[in-house]
């Protein structure tokens, strides 16, 4: 049979990324962006969906897609797909695990450096000096600077991103500790969540968003952290309770935070997190840690290969 492949959210990739040619006859349809209300109409004739994860594929949508045989996710996370429905109806689902292990870890470390070294804040200060909005001084102490070396990093998770972040952190002199929520790993570097929160200077979730991890870092957890400690979330919005985080930073109960992810994406102008946007100890990025061009090319290559393997009935290593 000839497959109809629909790519509903091509704008989820950089224009510099190249799509591989598929080695079989097919019809190809792609859209730059698809609003939620257009999902069903655009995917109705698809036998295969290739997506960057911006369209909802829950039971409500899937039951209106009778021709669908496969979903190839060009990402690792799967929370936008109703996997139970897919299993019940024989719809194969693949993702691309671990494609961004290095690039997300590098982004997390960059955020740690920015919060501790305050390079961005001092650059903005120099912009004000250049325009006369701030005075010329011999020495500036507007933003406290801390060394990264010797600080304790607490990682929640054990996957590729967690492993690479630990490697990078150790290379710049940080001590690394973990919380393993499944209790699989043991050793001196594995601590309980409470101990991790109490002892570490930086807490970095590197785990998926699940019912278990939702609001894993809430008011009670933040209250256990040292007042100078930082939260760096490059995992999923919702792991850190954003209302609790806002209050903690505004009330100076926390040293700072850097978020590449928020609960509601794409972020809207009325999101309460923007209360922190002018704070020098807060960084907000629009979910870009994964998106180096190197990582994106590898991502789409594997997502396309998953489609080719499905059609040729070859084993798929990343089948969910």
C-alpha atoms as a PDB file:
ATOM      1  CA  UNK A   1       0.000   0.000   0.000  1.00  0.00           C
ATOM      2  CA  UNK A   2       1.035   3.608  -0.515  1.00  0.00           C
ATOM      3  CA  UNK A   3       1.301   5.529   2.719  1.00  0.00           C
ATOM      4  CA  UNK A   4       0.169   9.092   3.290  1.00  0.00           C
ATOM      5  CA  UNK A   5       2.623  10.766   5.679  1.00  0.00           C
ATOM      6  CA  UNK A   6       1.555  14.029   7.296  1.00  0.00           C
ATOM      7  CA  UNK A   7       3.978  16.325   9.117  1.00  0.00           C
ATOM      8  CA  UNK A   8       1.688  18.842  10.876  1.00  0.00           C
ATOM      9  CA  UNK A   9       4.318  20.969  12.647  1.00  0.00           C
ATOM     10  CA  UNK A  10       7.329  21.454  10.417  1.00  0.00           C
ATOM     11  CA  UNK A  11       8.118  24.747  12.174  1.00  0.00           C
ATOM     12  CA  UNK A  12       9.281  22.672  15.137  1.00  0.00           C
ATOM     13  CA  UNK A  13      12.581  22.214  13.285  1.00  0.00           C
ATOM     14  CA  UNK A  14      15.190  24.705  12.162  1.00  0.00           C
ATOM     15  CA  UNK A  15      15.000  25.592   8.444  1.00  0.00           C
ATOM     16  CA  UNK A  16      18.632  24.447   8.209  1.00  0.00           C
ATOM     17  CA  UNK A  17      17.662  20.840   8.972  1.00  0.00           C
ATOM     18  CA  UNK A  18      17.398  18.487   5.993  1.00  0.00           C
ATOM     19  CA  UNK A  19      14.772  15.751   5.659  1.00  0.00           C
ATOM     20  CA  UNK A  20      15.981  12.349   4.510  1.00  0.00           C
ATOM     21  CA  UNK A  21      14.400  10.791   1.445  1.00  0.00           C
ATOM     22  CA  UNK A  22      12.215   7.816   2.270  1.00  0.00           C
ATOM     23  CA  UNK A  23      12.922   4.686   0.181  1.00  0.00           C
ATOM     24  CA  UNK A  24       9.321   3.832  -0.698  1.00  0.00           C
ATOM     25  CA  UNK A  25       6.416   5.315  -2.616  1.00  0.00           C
ATOM     26  CA  UNK A  26       4.297   7.646  -0.500  1.00  0.00           C
ATOM     27  CA  UNK A  27       2.268  10.834  -0.419  1.00  0.00           C
ATOM     28  CA  UNK A  28       3.803  13.593   1.697  1.00  0.00           C
ATOM     29  CA  UNK A  29       1.932  16.534   3.239  1.00  0.00           C
ATOM     30  CA  UNK A  30       3.455  19.032   5.619  1.00  0.00           C
ATOM     31  CA  UNK A  31       2.262  22.155   7.410  1.00  0.00           C
ATOM     32  CA  UNK A  32       4.378  24.802   9.060  1.00  0.00           C
ATOM     33  CA  UNK A  33       2.093  24.861  12.103  1.00  0.00           C
ATOM     34  CA  UNK A  34      -1.212  23.278  13.069  1.00  0.00           C
ATOM     35  CA  UNK A  35      -3.577  24.689  15.644  1.00  0.00           C
ATOM     36  CA  UNK A  36      -5.252  22.209  17.973  1.00  0.00           C
ATOM     37  CA  UNK A  37      -8.653  22.735  16.369  1.00  0.00           C
ATOM     38  CA  UNK A  38      -7.235  21.838  12.930  1.00  0.00           C
ATOM     39  CA  UNK A  39      -5.519  18.635  14.039  1.00  0.00           C
ATOM     40  CA  UNK A  40      -8.203  16.175  12.999  1.00  0.00           C
ATOM     41  CA  UNK A  41      -9.021  17.772   9.640  1.00  0.00           C
ATOM     42  CA  UNK A  42      -5.364  17.870   8.614  1.00  0.00           C
ATOM     43  CA  UNK A  43      -4.532  14.352   9.811  1.00  0.00           C
ATOM     44  CA  UNK A  44      -7.714  12.565   8.775  1.00  0.00           C
ATOM     45  CA  UNK A  45      -6.191  10.830   5.760  1.00  0.00           C
ATOM     46  CA  UNK A  46      -2.801  10.103   7.333  1.00  0.00           C
ATOM     47  CA  UNK A  47      -1.571   6.549   7.708  1.00  0.00           C
ATOM     48  CA  UNK A  48       1.639   7.863   9.293  1.00  0.00           C
ATOM     49  CA  UNK A  49       2.108  11.013  11.364  1.00  0.00           C
ATOM     50  CA  UNK A  50       5.522  12.605  11.816  1.00  0.00           C
ATOM     51  CA  UNK A  51       5.360  15.248  14.532  1.00  0.00           C
ATOM     52  CA  UNK A  52       7.550  17.431  16.715  1.00  0.00           C
ATOM     53  CA  UNK A  53       4.963  17.054  19.470  1.00  0.00           C
ATOM     54  CA  UNK A  54       3.009  20.299  19.169  1.00  0.00           C
ATOM     55  CA  UNK A  55      -0.309  18.719  18.108  1.00  0.00           C
ATOM     56  CA  UNK A  56      -2.575  16.856  20.548  1.00  0.00           C
ATOM     57  CA  UNK A  57      -2.904  13.149  19.817  1.00  0.00           C
ATOM     58  CA  UNK A  58      -5.179  12.093  22.642  1.00  0.00           C
ATOM     59  CA  UNK A  59      -8.138   9.725  22.448  1.00  0.00           C
ATOM     60  CA  UNK A  60     -10.437  12.529  21.303  1.00  0.00           C
ATOM     61  CA  UNK A  61      -8.307  13.131  18.199  1.00  0.00           C
ATOM     62  CA  UNK A  62      -7.088   9.590  17.561  1.00  0.00           C
ATOM     63  CA  UNK A  63     -10.545   8.050  17.392  1.00  0.00           C
ATOM     64  CA  UNK A  64     -11.256  10.366  14.446  1.00  0.00           C
ATOM     65  CA  UNK A  65      -8.211   9.149  12.478  1.00  0.00           C
ATOM     66  CA  UNK A  66      -9.334   5.756  11.113  1.00  0.00           C
ATOM     67  CA  UNK A  67      -6.440   5.307   8.666  1.00  0.00           C
ATOM     68  CA  UNK A  68      -3.668   5.925  11.181  1.00  0.00           C
ATOM     69  CA  UNK A  69      -1.114   3.114  11.556  1.00  0.00           C
ATOM     70  CA  UNK A  70       1.950   4.828  12.994  1.00  0.00           C
ATOM     71  CA  UNK A  71       3.072   7.938  14.903  1.00  0.00           C
ATOM     72  CA  UNK A  72       6.745   8.870  14.576  1.00  0.00           C
ATOM     73  CA  UNK A  73       7.626  11.358  17.313  1.00  0.00           C
ATOM     74  CA  UNK A  74      10.547  13.613  16.502  1.00  0.00           C
ATOM     75  CA  UNK A  75      11.245  14.032  20.193  1.00  0.00           C
ATOM     76  CA  UNK A  76      11.745  11.949  23.326  1.00  0.00           C
ATOM     77  CA  UNK A  77       8.699  12.914  25.417  1.00  0.00           C
ATOM     78  CA  UNK A  78       5.433  11.076  24.809  1.00  0.00           C
ATOM     79  CA  UNK A  79       2.984  12.876  27.076  1.00  0.00           C
ATOM     80  CA  UNK A  80       1.111  14.371  24.093  1.00  0.00           C
ATOM     81  CA  UNK A  81       0.100  10.906  22.816  1.00  0.00           C
ATOM     82  CA  UNK A  82      -2.510   8.596  24.338  1.00  0.00           C
ATOM     83  CA  UNK A  83      -0.348   5.479  24.372  1.00  0.00           C
ATOM     84  CA  UNK A  84      -3.114   3.324  25.821  1.00  0.00           C
ATOM     85  CA  UNK A  85      -5.396   4.128  22.890  1.00  0.00           C
ATOM     86  CA  UNK A  86      -2.585   3.414  20.429  1.00  0.00           C
ATOM     87  CA  UNK A  87      -1.895   0.046  22.017  1.00  0.00           C
ATOM     88  CA  UNK A  88      -5.588  -0.855  22.021  1.00  0.00           C
ATOM     89  CA  UNK A  89      -5.909  -0.050  18.310  1.00  0.00           C
ATOM     90  CA  UNK A  90      -2.585  -1.339  17.000  1.00  0.00           C
ATOM     91  CA  UNK A  91      -1.084   2.061  16.231  1.00  0.00           C
ATOM     92  CA  UNK A  92       2.716   1.870  16.434  1.00  0.00           C
ATOM     93  CA  UNK A  93       4.434   4.741  18.226  1.00  0.00           C
ATOM     94  CA  UNK A  94       8.142   5.548  18.054  1.00  0.00           C
ATOM     95  CA  UNK A  95      10.196   8.293  19.638  1.00  0.00           C
ATOM     96  CA  UNK A  96      13.857   9.318  19.577  1.00  0.00           C
ATOM     97  CA  UNK A  97      15.322   8.716  23.023  1.00  0.00           C
ATOM     98  CA  UNK A  98      18.591  10.315  24.088  1.00  0.00           C
ATOM     99  CA  UNK A  99      19.084  12.411  20.945  1.00  0.00           C
ATOM    100  CA  UNK A 100      19.625  15.587  22.984  1.00  0.00           C
ATOM    101  CA  UNK A 101      21.673  14.213  25.842  1.00  0.00           C
ATOM    102  CA  UNK A 102      24.647  16.462  25.178  1.00  0.00           C
ATOM    103  CA  UNK A 103      22.910  19.597  23.951  1.00  0.00           C
ATOM    104  CA  UNK A 104      20.411  19.786  26.842  1.00  0.00           C
ATOM    105  CA  UNK A 105      23.157  19.077  29.364  1.00  0.00           C
ATOM    106  CA  UNK A 106      25.301  21.865  27.900  1.00  0.00           C
ATOM    107  CA  UNK A 107      22.345  24.236  28.121  1.00  0.00           C
ATOM    108  CA  UNK A 108      21.770  23.340  31.761  1.00  0.00           C
ATOM    109  CA  UNK A 109      25.422  23.975  32.596  1.00  0.00           C
ATOM    110  CA  UNK A 110      25.306  27.296  30.724  1.00  0.00           C
ATOM    111  CA  UNK A 111      22.321  28.334  32.854  1.00  0.00           C
ATOM    112  CA  UNK A 112      24.196  27.384  36.029  1.00  0.00           C
ATOM    113  CA  UNK A 113      27.114  29.565  34.959  1.00  0.00           C
ATOM    114  CA  UNK A 114      24.835  32.476  34.058  1.00  0.00           C
ATOM    115  CA  UNK A 115      23.092  32.381  37.434  1.00  0.00           C
ATOM    116  CA  UNK A 116      26.302  32.073  39.427  1.00  0.00           C
ATOM    117  CA  UNK A 117      28.592  34.309  37.369  1.00  0.00           C
ATOM    118  CA  UNK A 118      25.877  36.857  36.396  1.00  0.00           C
ATOM    119  CA  UNK A 119      27.458  37.466  32.995  1.00  0.00           C
ATOM    120  CA  UNK A 120      24.163  38.508  31.414  1.00  0.00           C
ATOM    121  CA  UNK A 121      23.297  40.927  34.231  1.00  0.00           C
ATOM    122  CA  UNK A 122      26.675  42.637  33.994  1.00  0.00           C
ATOM    123  CA  UNK A 123      26.366  42.896  30.221  1.00  0.00           C
ATOM    124  CA  UNK A 124      23.014  44.636  30.689  1.00  0.00           C
ATOM    125  CA  UNK A 125      24.643  46.915  33.263  1.00  0.00           C
ATOM    126  CA  UNK A 126      27.268  47.901  30.689  1.00  0.00           C
ATOM    127  CA  UNK A 127      24.484  48.649  28.215  1.00  0.00           C
ATOM    128  CA  UNK A 128      23.053  51.080  30.755  1.00  0.00           C
ATOM    129  CA  UNK A 129      26.491  52.606  31.319  1.00  0.00           C
ATOM    130  CA  UNK A 130      26.873  53.093  27.562  1.00  0.00           C
ATOM    131  CA  UNK A 131      23.609  55.056  27.387  1.00  0.00           C
ATOM    132  CA  UNK A 132      24.270  57.040  30.568  1.00  0.00           C
ATOM    133  CA  UNK A 133      21.508  55.269  32.490  1.00  0.00           C
ATOM    134  CA  UNK A 134      24.066  53.894  34.979  1.00  0.00           C
ATOM    135  CA  UNK A 135      27.170  55.659  36.339  1.00  0.00           C
ATOM    136  CA  UNK A 136      30.760  54.938  35.377  1.00  0.00           C
ATOM    137  CA  UNK A 137      32.520  53.304  38.342  1.00  0.00           C
ATOM    138  CA  UNK A 138      35.883  51.727  39.032  1.00  0.00           C
ATOM    139  CA  UNK A 139      34.332  48.558  40.476  1.00  0.00           C
ATOM    140  CA  UNK A 140      30.776  47.193  40.288  1.00  0.00           C
ATOM    141  CA  UNK A 141      29.175  44.945  42.891  1.00  0.00           C
ATOM    142  CA  UNK A 142      25.591  45.165  41.650  1.00  0.00           C
ATOM    143  CA  UNK A 143      25.183  41.399  41.277  1.00  0.00           C
ATOM    144  CA  UNK A 144      26.881  38.870  43.572  1.00  0.00           C
ATOM    145  CA  UNK A 145      29.184  36.467  41.733  1.00  0.00           C
ATOM    146  CA  UNK A 146      29.815  32.920  42.941  1.00  0.00           C
ATOM    147  CA  UNK A 147      32.280  30.284  41.792  1.00  0.00           C
ATOM    148  CA  UNK A 148      30.864  27.148  40.196  1.00  0.00           C
ATOM    149  CA  UNK A 149      33.827  25.045  41.266  1.00  0.00           C
ATOM    150  CA  UNK A 150      33.186  23.221  44.534  1.00  0.00           C
ATOM    151  CA  UNK A 151      29.396  23.575  44.417  1.00  0.00           C
ATOM    152  CA  UNK A 152      27.145  20.539  44.832  1.00  0.00           C
ATOM    153  CA  UNK A 153      24.839  19.628  41.958  1.00  0.00           C
ATOM    154  CA  UNK A 154      21.810  17.483  42.725  1.00  0.00           C
ATOM    155  CA  UNK A 155      20.389  15.685  39.683  1.00  0.00           C
ATOM    156  CA  UNK A 156      16.956  14.068  39.676  1.00  0.00           C
ATOM    157  CA  UNK A 157      17.197  11.283  37.097  1.00  0.00           C
ATOM    158  CA  UNK A 158      19.624   8.809  35.550  1.00  0.00           C
ATOM    159  CA  UNK A 159      19.126   9.096  31.803  1.00  0.00           C
ATOM    160  CA  UNK A 160      21.408  10.337  29.034  1.00  0.00           C
ATOM    161  CA  UNK A 161      20.928  14.022  29.890  1.00  0.00           C
ATOM    162  CA  UNK A 162      21.569  13.399  33.590  1.00  0.00           C
ATOM    163  CA  UNK A 163      24.695  11.373  32.809  1.00  0.00           C
ATOM    164  CA  UNK A 164      26.136  13.979  30.438  1.00  0.00           C
ATOM    165  CA  UNK A 165      25.300  16.868  32.779  1.00  0.00           C
ATOM    166  CA  UNK A 166      27.091  15.050  35.601  1.00  0.00           C
ATOM    167  CA  UNK A 167      30.142  14.564  33.391  1.00  0.00           C
ATOM    168  CA  UNK A 168      30.263  18.224  32.376  1.00  0.00           C
ATOM    169  CA  UNK A 169      29.689  19.413  35.946  1.00  0.00           C
ATOM    170  CA  UNK A 170      32.486  17.262  37.325  1.00  0.00           C
ATOM    171  CA  UNK A 171      34.811  18.624  34.639  1.00  0.00           C
ATOM    172  CA  UNK A 172      34.328  22.162  36.006  1.00  0.00           C
ATOM    173  CA  UNK A 173      34.842  21.059  39.595  1.00  0.00           C
ATOM    174  CA  UNK A 174      31.301  20.485  40.853  1.00  0.00           C
ATOM    175  CA  UNK A 175      30.372  17.608  43.146  1.00  0.00           C
ATOM    176  CA  UNK A 176      27.510  15.566  41.735  1.00  0.00           C
ATOM    177  CA  UNK A 177      24.776  13.718  43.607  1.00  0.00           C
ATOM    178  CA  UNK A 178      21.606  12.006  42.413  1.00  0.00           C
ATOM    179  CA  UNK A 179      18.104  11.169  43.522  1.00  0.00           C
ATOM    180  CA  UNK A 180      16.887   7.951  41.908  1.00  0.00           C
ATOM    181  CA  UNK A 181      13.118   7.920  42.356  1.00  0.00           C
ATOM    182  CA  UNK A 182      12.939   4.225  41.377  1.00  0.00           C
ATOM    183  CA  UNK A 183      15.508   3.117  43.950  1.00  0.00           C
ATOM    184  CA  UNK A 184      17.419   1.139  41.318  1.00  0.00           C
ATOM    185  CA  UNK A 185      20.826   2.687  41.873  1.00  0.00           C
ATOM    186  CA  UNK A 186      22.832   2.820  45.082  1.00  0.00           C
ATOM    187  CA  UNK A 187      26.107   4.312  46.220  1.00  0.00           C
ATOM    188  CA  UNK A 188      27.509   7.291  48.092  1.00  0.00           C
ATOM    189  CA  UNK A 189      26.409   9.691  45.361  1.00  0.00           C
ATOM    190  CA  UNK A 190      22.741   8.598  45.617  1.00  0.00           C
ATOM    191  CA  UNK A 191      20.758  10.506  48.227  1.00  0.00           C
ATOM    192  CA  UNK A 192      17.149  10.677  49.308  1.00  0.00           C
ATOM    193  CA  UNK A 193      15.222  13.557  47.771  1.00  0.00           C
ATOM    194  CA  UNK A 194      15.109  15.406  51.094  1.00  0.00           C
ATOM    195  CA  UNK A 195      18.855  15.054  51.624  1.00  0.00           C
ATOM    196  CA  UNK A 196      19.541  16.131  48.038  1.00  0.00           C
ATOM    197  CA  UNK A 197      17.436  19.264  48.510  1.00  0.00           C
ATOM    198  CA  UNK A 198      19.026  20.112  51.837  1.00  0.00           C
ATOM    199  CA  UNK A 199      22.655  19.639  50.826  1.00  0.00           C
ATOM    200  CA  UNK A 200      22.963  20.702  47.193  1.00  0.00           C
ATOM    201  CA  UNK A 201      23.635  24.176  45.804  1.00  0.00           C
ATOM    202  CA  UNK A 202      21.891  23.422  42.506  1.00  0.00           C
ATOM    203  CA  UNK A 203      18.920  21.132  41.866  1.00  0.00           C
ATOM    204  CA  UNK A 204      18.429  19.965  38.260  1.00  0.00           C
ATOM    205  CA  UNK A 205      15.450  17.765  37.336  1.00  0.00           C
ATOM    206  CA  UNK A 206      16.373  15.456  34.442  1.00  0.00           C
ATOM    207  CA  UNK A 207      13.298  13.234  34.443  1.00  0.00           C
ATOM    208  CA  UNK A 208      10.034  12.910  32.499  1.00  0.00           C
ATOM    209  CA  UNK A 209       6.764  14.474  33.580  1.00  0.00           C
ATOM    210  CA  UNK A 210       4.594  11.730  35.071  1.00  0.00           C
ATOM    211  CA  UNK A 211       1.925  11.665  37.780  1.00  0.00           C
ATOM    212  CA  UNK A 212       4.735  10.765  40.167  1.00  0.00           C
ATOM    213  CA  UNK A 213       6.991  13.679  39.187  1.00  0.00           C
ATOM    214  CA  UNK A 214       4.275  16.339  38.845  1.00  0.00           C
ATOM    215  CA  UNK A 215       5.005  19.043  41.437  1.00  0.00           C
ATOM    216  CA  UNK A 216       7.899  16.946  42.727  1.00  0.00           C
ATOM    217  CA  UNK A 217       9.500  20.238  43.770  1.00  0.00           C
ATOM    218  CA  UNK A 218       6.728  22.089  45.588  1.00  0.00           C
ATOM    219  CA  UNK A 219       6.575  24.491  48.520  1.00  0.00           C
ATOM    220  CA  UNK A 220       7.618  21.898  51.084  1.00  0.00           C
ATOM    221  CA  UNK A 221      10.592  20.834  48.971  1.00  0.00           C
ATOM    222  CA  UNK A 222      11.723  24.395  48.268  1.00  0.00           C
ATOM    223  CA  UNK A 223      11.496  25.150  51.995  1.00  0.00           C
ATOM    224  CA  UNK A 224      14.149  22.499  52.613  1.00  0.00           C
ATOM    225  CA  UNK A 225      16.635  24.051  50.209  1.00  0.00           C
ATOM    226  CA  UNK A 226      19.374  26.440  51.231  1.00  0.00           C
ATOM    227  CA  UNK A 227      18.501  30.102  50.663  1.00  0.00           C
ATOM    228  CA  UNK A 228      21.321  30.489  48.143  1.00  0.00           C
ATOM    229  CA  UNK A 229      20.392  27.331  46.203  1.00  0.00           C
ATOM    230  CA  UNK A 230      19.328  27.306  42.558  1.00  0.00           C
ATOM    231  CA  UNK A 231      16.762  25.316  40.566  1.00  0.00           C
ATOM    232  CA  UNK A 232      17.589  24.627  36.919  1.00  0.00           C
ATOM    233  CA  UNK A 233      14.752  22.903  35.059  1.00  0.00           C
ATOM    234  CA  UNK A 234      15.531  21.698  31.544  1.00  0.00           C
ATOM    235  CA  UNK A 235      13.241  18.653  31.823  1.00  0.00           C
ATOM    236  CA  UNK A 236       9.501  19.359  31.764  1.00  0.00           C
ATOM    237  CA  UNK A 237       7.291  22.116  33.084  1.00  0.00           C
ATOM    238  CA  UNK A 238       5.165  20.848  35.940  1.00  0.00           C
ATOM    239  CA  UNK A 239       7.973  19.039  37.747  1.00  0.00           C
ATOM    240  CA  UNK A 240       8.584  22.305  39.589  1.00  0.00           C
ATOM    241  CA  UNK A 241       5.467  23.978  40.984  1.00  0.00           C
ATOM    242  CA  UNK A 242       5.661  27.364  39.297  1.00  0.00           C
ATOM    243  CA  UNK A 243       3.483  29.214  41.814  1.00  0.00           C
ATOM    244  CA  UNK A 244       5.701  27.983  44.648  1.00  0.00           C
ATOM    245  CA  UNK A 245       8.809  28.972  42.693  1.00  0.00           C
ATOM    246  CA  UNK A 246       7.498  32.479  42.035  1.00  0.00           C
ATOM    247  CA  UNK A 247       6.754  33.041  45.712  1.00  0.00           C
ATOM    248  CA  UNK A 248      10.124  31.663  46.822  1.00  0.00           C
ATOM    249  CA  UNK A 249      12.110  33.974  44.543  1.00  0.00           C
ATOM    250  CA  UNK A 250      10.017  37.061  45.235  1.00  0.00           C
ATOM    251  CA  UNK A 251      10.332  36.423  48.981  1.00  0.00           C
ATOM    252  CA  UNK A 252      14.088  35.744  48.636  1.00  0.00           C
ATOM    253  CA  UNK A 253      13.744  32.212  49.979  1.00  0.00           C
ATOM    254  CA  UNK A 254      15.706  30.817  47.048  1.00  0.00           C
ATOM    255  CA  UNK A 255      18.918  31.889  45.355  1.00  0.00           C
ATOM    256  CA  UNK A 256      17.456  31.785  41.864  1.00  0.00           C
ATOM    257  CA  UNK A 257      16.095  29.640  39.077  1.00  0.00           C
ATOM    258  CA  UNK A 258      16.530  28.973  35.378  1.00  0.00           C
ATOM    259  CA  UNK A 259      13.698  27.454  33.362  1.00  0.00           C
ATOM    260  CA  UNK A 260      13.843  26.203  29.802  1.00  0.00           C
ATOM    261  CA  UNK A 261      10.378  24.692  30.232  1.00  0.00           C
ATOM    262  CA  UNK A 262       7.061  25.760  31.745  1.00  0.00           C
ATOM    263  CA  UNK A 263       3.820  23.921  32.365  1.00  0.00           C
ATOM    264  CA  UNK A 264       1.803  25.708  29.676  1.00  0.00           C
ATOM    265  CA  UNK A 265       3.605  25.920  26.350  1.00  0.00           C
ATOM    266  CA  UNK A 266       3.870  27.892  24.198  1.00  0.00           C
ATOM    267  CA  UNK A 267       4.076  30.444  26.998  1.00  0.00           C
ATOM    268  CA  UNK A 268       1.520  33.262  26.871  1.00  0.00           C
ATOM    269  CA  UNK A 269       2.037  36.880  27.945  1.00  0.00           C
ATOM    270  CA  UNK A 270      -0.322  36.501  30.906  1.00  0.00           C
ATOM    271  CA  UNK A 271       1.640  33.569  32.373  1.00  0.00           C
ATOM    272  CA  UNK A 272       2.352  34.317  36.066  1.00  0.00           C
ATOM    273  CA  UNK A 273       5.989  33.277  35.592  1.00  0.00           C
ATOM    274  CA  UNK A 274       6.598  36.637  33.903  1.00  0.00           C
ATOM    275  CA  UNK A 275       6.409  38.189  37.367  1.00  0.00           C
ATOM    276  CA  UNK A 276      10.054  37.086  37.636  1.00  0.00           C
ATOM    277  CA  UNK A 277      11.278  38.205  34.232  1.00  0.00           C
ATOM    278  CA  UNK A 278      13.121  41.292  35.552  1.00  0.00           C
ATOM    279  CA  UNK A 279      14.765  39.452  38.436  1.00  0.00           C
ATOM    280  CA  UNK A 280      18.558  39.144  37.978  1.00  0.00           C
ATOM    281  CA  UNK A 281      18.496  35.681  39.559  1.00  0.00           C
ATOM    282  CA  UNK A 282      15.942  34.295  37.104  1.00  0.00           C
ATOM    283  CA  UNK A 283      16.382  33.016  33.552  1.00  0.00           C
ATOM    284  CA  UNK A 284      13.528  31.989  31.253  1.00  0.00           C
ATOM    285  CA  UNK A 285      14.106  30.323  27.889  1.00  0.00           C
ATOM    286  CA  UNK A 286      11.412  29.192  25.400  1.00  0.00           C
ATOM    287  CA  UNK A 287      12.144  25.432  25.464  1.00  0.00           C
ATOM    288  CA  UNK A 288      15.254  25.670  23.291  1.00  0.00           C
ATOM    289  CA  UNK A 289      17.777  23.512  25.197  1.00  0.00           C
ATOM    290  CA  UNK A 290      17.191  20.600  22.811  1.00  0.00           C
ATOM    291  CA  UNK A 291      17.445  22.610  19.608  1.00  0.00           C
ATOM    292  CA  UNK A 292      21.067  22.817  18.549  1.00  0.00           C
ATOM    293  CA  UNK A 293      21.221  22.233  14.809  1.00  0.00           C
ATOM    294  CA  UNK A 294      23.427  19.180  15.354  1.00  0.00           C
ATOM    295  CA  UNK A 295      20.877  17.622  17.685  1.00  0.00           C
ATOM    296  CA  UNK A 296      17.931  18.471  15.451  1.00  0.00           C
ATOM    297  CA  UNK A 297      19.510  16.852  12.401  1.00  0.00           C
ATOM    298  CA  UNK A 298      20.174  13.673  14.330  1.00  0.00           C
ATOM    299  CA  UNK A 299      16.636  13.819  15.702  1.00  0.00           C
ATOM    300  CA  UNK A 300      14.859  14.061  12.373  1.00  0.00           C
ATOM    301  CA  UNK A 301      17.178  11.479  10.807  1.00  0.00           C
ATOM    302  CA  UNK A 302      16.141   8.925  13.431  1.00  0.00           C
ATOM    303  CA  UNK A 303      12.447   9.868  13.256  1.00  0.00           C
ATOM    304  CA  UNK A 304      12.504   9.344   9.477  1.00  0.00           C
ATOM    305  CA  UNK A 305      14.430   6.101   9.875  1.00  0.00           C
ATOM    306  CA  UNK A 306      11.753   4.886  12.283  1.00  0.00           C
ATOM    307  CA  UNK A 307       9.181   5.432   9.539  1.00  0.00           C
ATOM    308  CA  UNK A 308      11.306   3.565   6.996  1.00  0.00           C
ATOM    309  CA  UNK A 309      11.767   0.665   9.424  1.00  0.00           C
ATOM    310  CA  UNK A 310       8.034   0.512  10.104  1.00  0.00           C
ATOM    311  CA  UNK A 311       7.099   0.396   6.431  1.00  0.00           C
ATOM    312  CA  UNK A 312       9.779  -2.203   5.632  1.00  0.00           C
ATOM    313  CA  UNK A 313       8.774  -4.180   8.742  1.00  0.00           C
ATOM    314  CA  UNK A 314      12.263  -3.964  10.185  1.00  0.00           C
ATOM    315  CA  UNK A 315      12.824  -4.019  13.979  1.00  0.00           C
ATOM    316  CA  UNK A 316      12.460  -0.538  15.454  1.00  0.00           C
ATOM    317  CA  UNK A 317      14.829   0.105  18.341  1.00  0.00           C
ATOM    318  CA  UNK A 318      12.892   3.155  19.531  1.00  0.00           C
ATOM    319  CA  UNK A 319       9.392   1.665  19.363  1.00  0.00           C
ATOM    320  CA  UNK A 320       7.362   2.560  22.432  1.00  0.00           C
END
